[in-house]
Amino acid sequence: MPRFLVDVNLPYYFSLWDHDDYLHQADIDDTWTDKQIWEYAREENLIIITKDTDFYNSILVSEPPPKVIYLKIGNMRLKEMHEF
């Protein structure tokens, strides 16, 4: 069972999450709303990896929230993300 849910706004093909512990949102449903992703992660006890501020802000009003790793990196090219 994956432990991390990678948000659809992050690259699908990325060596960091090329492992069974990572599930990309595109493998579930890339049309889900943030709320659907949030609930799924909470129900499945997954940690959301995102660069979307909406998830970061949702932590403040949700109890209990799922865990979120917020990458505050803005828009960057894939090569720059690999370097990051």
C-alpha atoms as a PDB file:
ATOM      1  CA  MET A   1       0.000   0.000   0.000  1.00  0.00           C
ATOM      2  CA  PRO A   2       1.441   3.385  -0.943  1.00  0.00           C
ATOM      3  CA  ARG A   3       2.205   5.813   1.843  1.00  0.00           C
ATOM      4  CA  PHE A   4       2.357   8.952  -0.285  1.00  0.00           C
ATOM      5  CA  LEU A   5      -0.099  10.498  -2.717  1.00  0.00           C
ATOM      6  CA  VAL A   6       1.583  12.725  -5.305  1.00  0.00           C
ATOM      7  CA  ASP A   7      -0.604  15.591  -6.502  1.00  0.00           C
ATOM      8  CA  VAL A   8      -1.422  15.752 -10.216  1.00  0.00           C
ATOM      9  CA  ASN A   9       0.401  19.097 -10.515  1.00  0.00           C
ATOM     10  CA  LEU A  10       3.711  17.338  -9.915  1.00  0.00           C
ATOM     11  CA  PRO A  11       5.428  15.316 -12.659  1.00  0.00           C
ATOM     12  CA  TYR A  12       4.279  11.756 -13.157  1.00  0.00           C
ATOM     13  CA  TYR A  13       7.699  10.491 -14.198  1.00  0.00           C
ATOM     14  CA  PHE A  14      10.063  11.511 -11.437  1.00  0.00           C
ATOM     15  CA  SER A  15      12.715   9.287  -9.904  1.00  0.00           C
ATOM     16  CA  LEU A  16      11.952  10.376  -6.343  1.00  0.00           C
ATOM     17  CA  TRP A  17       8.529   8.726  -6.396  1.00  0.00           C
ATOM     18  CA  ASP A  18       9.372   5.814  -8.655  1.00  0.00           C
ATOM     19  CA  HIS A  19       8.698   3.398  -5.823  1.00  0.00           C
ATOM     20  CA  ASP A  20       5.793   1.325  -4.502  1.00  0.00           C
ATOM     21  CA  ASP A  21       5.310   3.691  -1.554  1.00  0.00           C
ATOM     22  CA  TYR A  22       4.205   6.466  -3.933  1.00  0.00           C
ATOM     23  CA  LEU A  23       0.897   6.728  -5.750  1.00  0.00           C
ATOM     24  CA  HIS A  24       0.404   9.491  -8.297  1.00  0.00           C
ATOM     25  CA  GLN A  25      -3.040  11.034  -8.504  1.00  0.00           C
ATOM     26  CA  ALA A  26      -3.091  10.295 -12.242  1.00  0.00           C
ATOM     27  CA  ASP A  27      -3.167   6.587 -11.343  1.00  0.00           C
ATOM     28  CA  ILE A  28      -6.409   7.119  -9.435  1.00  0.00           C
ATOM     29  CA  ASP A  29      -8.281   9.876 -11.253  1.00  0.00           C
ATOM     30  CA  ASP A  30      -6.624  13.044 -12.496  1.00  0.00           C
ATOM     31  CA  THR A  31      -9.974  14.860 -12.593  1.00  0.00           C
ATOM     32  CA  TRP A  32     -10.572  14.708  -8.841  1.00  0.00           C
ATOM     33  CA  THR A  33     -11.078  17.946  -6.982  1.00  0.00           C
ATOM     34  CA  ASP A  34      -8.765  18.934  -4.146  1.00  0.00           C
ATOM     35  CA  LYS A  35     -11.498  17.938  -1.703  1.00  0.00           C
ATOM     36  CA  GLN A  36     -11.745  14.436  -3.194  1.00  0.00           C
ATOM     37  CA  ILE A  37      -7.975  14.029  -3.032  1.00  0.00           C
ATOM     38  CA  TRP A  38      -7.967  15.311   0.544  1.00  0.00           C
ATOM     39  CA  GLU A  39     -10.653  12.847   1.664  1.00  0.00           C
ATOM     40  CA  TYR A  40      -9.021   9.917  -0.126  1.00  0.00           C
ATOM     41  CA  ALA A  41      -5.662  10.655   1.489  1.00  0.00           C
ATOM     42  CA  ARG A  42      -7.264  10.975   4.898  1.00  0.00           C
ATOM     43  CA  GLU A  43      -9.262   7.737   4.555  1.00  0.00           C
ATOM     44  CA  GLU A  44      -6.271   5.780   3.223  1.00  0.00           C
ATOM     45  CA  ASN A  45      -3.781   7.357   5.659  1.00  0.00           C
ATOM     46  CA  LEU A  46      -1.647   8.760   2.840  1.00  0.00           C
ATOM     47  CA  ILE A  47       0.683  11.743   2.986  1.00  0.00           C
ATOM     48  CA  ILE A  48      -0.063  14.245   0.214  1.00  0.00           C
ATOM     49  CA  ILE A  49       2.922  15.642  -1.683  1.00  0.00           C
ATOM     50  CA  THR A  50       1.956  18.873  -3.414  1.00  0.00           C
ATOM     51  CA  LYS A  51       2.997  22.333  -4.471  1.00  0.00           C
ATOM     52  CA  ASP A  52      -0.619  23.544  -4.330  1.00  0.00           C
ATOM     53  CA  THR A  53      -1.254  26.115  -1.578  1.00  0.00           C
ATOM     54  CA  ASP A  54      -4.878  24.962  -1.280  1.00  0.00           C
ATOM     55  CA  PHE A  55      -3.757  21.808   0.517  1.00  0.00           C
ATOM     56  CA  TYR A  56      -1.500  23.780   2.816  1.00  0.00           C
ATOM     57  CA  ASN A  57      -4.369  26.126   3.703  1.00  0.00           C
ATOM     58  CA  SER A  58      -6.794  23.223   4.251  1.00  0.00           C
ATOM     59  CA  ILE A  59      -4.676  21.913   7.103  1.00  0.00           C
ATOM     60  CA  LEU A  60      -5.784  24.885   9.178  1.00  0.00           C
ATOM     61  CA  VAL A  61      -9.506  24.090   8.937  1.00  0.00           C
ATOM     62  CA  SER A  62      -9.666  20.287   8.736  1.00  0.00           C
ATOM     63  CA  GLU A  63      -9.734  17.976  11.715  1.00  0.00           C
ATOM     64  CA  PRO A  64      -8.012  15.676  11.600  1.00  0.00           C
ATOM     65  CA  PRO A  65      -6.168  16.617   8.436  1.00  0.00           C
ATOM     66  CA  PRO A  66      -4.083  14.176   6.423  1.00  0.00           C
ATOM     67  CA  LYS A  67      -0.383  14.899   6.499  1.00  0.00           C
ATOM     68  CA  VAL A  68       0.866  17.159   3.727  1.00  0.00           C
ATOM     69  CA  ILE A  69       4.335  17.765   2.344  1.00  0.00           C
ATOM     70  CA  TYR A  70       4.089  21.192   0.778  1.00  0.00           C
ATOM     71  CA  LEU A  71       6.804  21.894  -1.772  1.00  0.00           C
ATOM     72  CA  LYS A  72       6.976  25.666  -1.894  1.00  0.00           C
ATOM     73  CA  ILE A  73       8.813  25.743  -5.201  1.00  0.00           C
ATOM     74  CA  GLY A  74       6.542  27.562  -7.632  1.00  0.00           C
ATOM     75  CA  ASN A  75       6.640  26.742 -11.314  1.00  0.00           C
ATOM     76  CA  MET A  76       9.836  25.242 -12.595  1.00  0.00           C
ATOM     77  CA  ARG A  77      11.047  23.065 -15.419  1.00  0.00           C
ATOM     78  CA  LEU A  78      11.435  19.341 -14.824  1.00  0.00           C
ATOM     79  CA  LYS A  79      15.234  19.650 -15.011  1.00  0.00           C
ATOM     80  CA  GLU A  80      15.155  22.337 -12.294  1.00  0.00           C
ATOM     81  CA  MET A  81      12.924  20.139 -10.156  1.00  0.00           C
ATOM     82  CA  HIS A  82      15.400  17.269 -10.448  1.00  0.00           C
ATOM     83  CA  GLU A  83      18.141  19.617  -9.302  1.00  0.00           C
ATOM     84  CA  PHE A  84      15.967  20.786  -6.401  1.00  0.00           C
END
